Amino acid sequence: MKLIFVTHNKNKLDEVAKITPEHIEVFSLSQIGFNEDIPETELTLEGNAKLKVDAILKNKNANCFSDDSGLFVEALNGEPGVFSARYSGKRDTNINNELLLRNMQRVQSRSAYYMSVFCLYFNGTYHFFEGRLYGEIASHPKGNNGFGYDPIFIPKGYTATLGELSEKIKLELSHRTRALNKMIDFLALNS
């Protein structure tokens, strides 16, 4: 089975490649010659994931999937949420992490969750799959593993941030892995 993964994000491509079974051949945007940036203009993860799939469908009728992910902090009314990648107004991980920690300086409850939504366009129909990882926001960054908010996110049941955990453990816990596994299960039943 061949699927196009609608992303330019190398970290996401690498993560998906580690999880996807061998019988599913995943092509990146660069492999199909699509180099345009797809602005994320929707107000939900589902909306942004579908928007990216639709950008491909305008040019190519193919089975494809995309995801949009965000970090949701309960005490900040869900911020940074759908705007996680550009929380500070820039796509800069360090600046986004610093802003989030600054906004949480006087916050007691540090509960948060990562959420990933995959949109799969398969045989003419859209399907959505969600995965979550619950935890809390650390008081300062720790660890260099991963990307995004990983150095400041402590998964439930752990004392270390995702940035400190091994790649193997991170992959097992990942919100993206959870959503992707649901999509893989769906494909196994429907192909």
Protein backbone atom coordinates (compact mmCIF):
# COMPACT_ATOMS: atom_id res chain seq x y z
CA MET A 1 0.00 0.00 0.00
CA LYS A 2 1.27 3.48 -0.87
CA LEU A 3 0.46 6.61 1.12
CA ILE A 4 1.69 10.19 0.92
CA PHE A 5 2.51 11.80 4.27
CA VAL A 6 1.67 15.48 3.89
CA THR A 7 4.49 17.09 5.84
CA HIS A 8 7.81 18.83 5.34
CA ASN A 9 8.73 18.18 8.99
CA LYS A 10 11.70 15.79 9.06
CA ASN A 11 11.13 14.94 12.74
CA LYS A 12 7.57 13.80 11.99
CA LEU A 13 8.72 11.85 8.93
CA ASP A 14 11.34 10.03 10.98
CA GLU A 15 8.86 9.25 13.76
CA VAL A 16 6.24 7.89 11.36
CA ALA A 17 8.84 5.81 9.49
CA LYS A 18 9.77 4.04 12.75
CA ILE A 19 6.16 3.08 13.47
CA THR A 20 4.70 2.25 10.06
CA PRO A 21 4.72 -1.44 9.07
CA GLU A 22 6.76 -2.47 6.03
CA HIS A 23 3.71 -3.20 3.86
CA ILE A 24 2.77 0.50 4.01
CA GLU A 25 5.07 2.52 1.78
CA VAL A 26 5.11 6.15 2.92
CA PHE A 27 6.17 8.91 0.54
CA SER A 28 7.17 12.38 1.71
CA LEU A 29 6.16 15.58 -0.04
CA SER A 30 9.66 16.04 -1.42
CA GLN A 31 9.54 12.52 -2.90
CA ILE A 32 6.45 13.44 -4.92
CA GLY A 33 7.88 16.83 -5.92
CA PHE A 34 5.57 18.96 -3.76
CA ASN A 35 7.65 21.75 -2.24
CA GLU A 36 5.00 24.35 -1.43
CA ASP A 37 4.42 25.44 2.15
CA ILE A 38 0.87 24.73 3.34
CA PRO A 39 -0.26 27.46 5.76
CA GLU A 40 -2.13 26.16 8.81
CA THR A 41 -5.04 28.59 8.92
CA GLU A 42 -7.70 26.53 10.67
CA LEU A 43 -8.63 26.87 14.35
CA THR A 44 -8.61 23.14 15.15
CA LEU A 45 -6.11 20.33 14.76
CA GLU A 46 -8.66 18.43 12.68
CA GLY A 47 -9.13 21.43 10.41
CA ASN A 48 -5.41 21.90 9.83
CA ALA A 49 -4.84 18.18 9.20
CA LYS A 50 -7.64 18.13 6.60
CA LEU A 51 -6.43 21.38 5.03
CA LYS A 52 -3.02 19.78 4.38
CA VAL A 53 -4.60 16.68 2.81
CA ASP A 54 -6.81 18.89 0.63
CA ALA A 55 -3.74 20.77 -0.64
CA ILE A 56 -2.42 17.49 -2.07
CA LEU A 57 -5.80 16.41 -3.43
CA LYS A 58 -5.98 19.60 -5.53
CA ASN A 59 -2.95 18.34 -7.47
CA LYS A 60 -3.09 14.58 -7.13
CA ASN A 61 -5.89 12.12 -6.37
CA ALA A 62 -4.01 9.78 -4.05
CA ASN A 63 -4.37 8.12 -0.69
CA CYS A 64 -2.62 10.42 1.74
CA PHE A 65 -2.52 11.48 5.36
CA SER A 66 -1.36 14.35 7.50
CA ASP A 67 -1.34 15.30 11.12
CA ASP A 68 -1.52 18.36 13.23
CA SER A 69 -0.41 18.30 16.83
CA GLY A 70 -0.48 20.67 19.73
CA LEU A 71 0.27 21.08 23.40
CA PHE A 72 -2.74 22.08 25.51
CA VAL A 73 -2.18 23.59 28.97
CA GLU A 74 -5.33 23.55 31.08
CA ALA A 75 -4.43 26.58 33.25
CA LEU A 76 -3.83 28.64 30.10
CA ASN A 77 -7.25 27.79 28.63
CA GLY A 78 -5.71 25.31 26.21
CA GLU A 79 -2.82 27.47 25.01
CA PRO A 80 -0.71 27.09 23.00
CA GLY A 81 -3.03 24.49 21.42
CA VAL A 82 -3.48 24.67 17.67
CA PHE A 83 -0.91 27.49 17.61
CA SER A 84 1.83 25.41 19.31
CA ALA A 85 4.35 25.61 16.46
CA ARG A 86 3.98 29.39 16.25
CA TYR A 87 2.98 30.27 19.83
CA SER A 88 5.40 33.21 20.01
CA GLY A 89 4.52 34.31 16.49
CA LYS A 90 7.59 32.52 15.17
CA ARG A 91 8.40 28.91 14.36
CA ASP A 92 11.19 28.85 16.94
CA THR A 93 11.14 26.07 19.52
CA ASN A 94 13.33 27.82 22.09
CA ILE A 95 11.34 31.06 21.96
CA ASN A 96 8.03 29.14 22.16
CA ASN A 97 9.26 27.15 25.18
CA GLU A 98 10.51 30.32 26.92
CA LEU A 99 7.18 32.09 26.34
CA LEU A 100 5.19 29.14 27.69
CA LEU A 101 7.35 28.93 30.82
CA ARG A 102 7.03 32.70 31.33
CA ASN A 103 3.24 32.47 31.01
CA MET A 104 3.22 29.70 33.64
CA GLN A 105 5.43 31.39 36.25
CA ARG A 106 2.59 32.01 38.69
CA VAL A 107 0.46 29.00 37.73
CA GLN A 108 -0.09 26.27 40.33
CA SER A 109 -1.73 23.59 38.19
CA ARG A 110 0.71 22.53 35.49
CA SER A 111 -1.51 19.85 33.89
CA ALA A 112 -1.22 19.60 30.12
CA TYR A 113 -1.57 17.17 27.27
CA TYR A 114 -0.19 16.68 23.81
CA MET A 115 -2.76 15.86 21.16
CA SER A 116 -2.22 14.66 17.62
CA VAL A 117 -4.93 14.32 14.99
CA PHE A 118 -4.30 12.38 11.80
CA CYS A 119 -6.46 12.96 8.75
CA LEU A 120 -6.39 10.04 6.32
CA TYR A 121 -7.86 10.34 2.84
CA PHE A 122 -8.35 6.73 1.79
CA ASN A 123 -10.30 5.46 -1.22
CA GLY A 124 -12.27 8.69 -1.52
CA THR A 125 -13.18 9.18 2.15
CA TYR A 126 -11.74 11.21 5.04
CA HIS A 127 -11.02 9.50 8.37
CA PHE A 128 -9.69 11.09 11.57
CA PHE A 129 -7.63 9.50 14.36
CA GLU A 130 -6.67 11.13 17.66
CA GLY A 131 -3.97 10.37 20.19
CA ARG A 132 -3.18 12.07 23.50
CA LEU A 133 -0.37 12.06 26.02
CA TYR A 134 -1.15 13.51 29.45
CA GLY A 135 1.36 15.07 31.80
CA GLU A 136 2.50 18.41 33.15
CA ILE A 137 4.76 21.32 32.32
CA ALA A 138 8.18 21.38 34.02
CA SER A 139 9.48 24.56 35.67
CA HIS A 140 12.48 24.69 33.32
CA PRO A 141 13.78 22.83 30.24
CA LYS A 142 15.63 19.54 30.71
CA GLY A 143 17.08 17.21 28.08
CA ASN A 144 17.96 17.45 24.42
CA ASN A 145 16.06 14.48 22.99
CA GLY A 146 13.10 15.15 20.76
CA PHE A 147 11.76 18.44 19.47
CA GLY A 148 9.16 21.09 20.20
CA TYR A 149 8.02 21.25 23.81
CA ASP A 150 9.64 17.91 24.74
CA PRO A 151 12.24 19.50 27.10
CA ILE A 152 9.46 21.01 29.26
CA PHE A 153 6.81 18.25 29.16
CA ILE A 154 6.78 15.56 31.87
CA PRO A 155 4.55 12.59 30.91
CA LYS A 156 2.15 11.25 33.54
CA GLY A 157 3.86 8.55 35.59
CA TYR A 158 7.37 9.90 34.92
CA THR A 159 9.66 12.38 36.67
CA ALA A 160 11.76 13.16 33.59
CA THR A 161 10.78 15.34 30.64
CA LEU A 162 10.32 13.87 27.18
CA GLY A 163 13.59 15.62 26.36
CA GLU A 164 15.35 13.39 28.91
CA LEU A 165 13.70 10.08 27.99
CA SER A 166 15.14 7.60 25.52
CA GLU A 167 13.86 7.61 21.97
CA LYS A 168 12.34 4.16 22.52
CA ILE A 169 10.28 5.26 25.54
CA LYS A 170 9.26 8.51 23.85
CA LEU A 171 8.02 6.61 20.82
CA GLU A 172 5.97 4.24 23.01
CA LEU A 173 4.36 7.17 24.87
CA SER A 174 3.91 9.54 21.94
CA HIS A 175 0.54 11.10 21.16
CA ARG A 176 1.51 10.82 17.49
CA THR A 177 2.23 7.09 17.89
CA ARG A 178 -1.18 6.59 19.51
CA ALA A 179 -3.02 8.35 16.67
CA LEU A 180 -0.90 6.66 14.00
CA ASN A 181 -1.52 3.20 15.48
CA LYS A 182 -5.27 3.82 15.27
CA MET A 183 -4.83 4.75 11.60
CA ILE A 184 -2.70 1.64 10.95
CA ASP A 185 -5.35 -0.55 12.62
CA PHE A 186 -8.02 1.05 10.43
CA LEU A 187 -5.97 0.40 7.28
CA ALA A 188 -5.43 -3.23 8.30
CA LEU A 189 -9.20 -3.73 8.55
CA ASN A 190 -10.09 -1.77 5.42
CA SER A 191 -7.54 -2.62 2.76
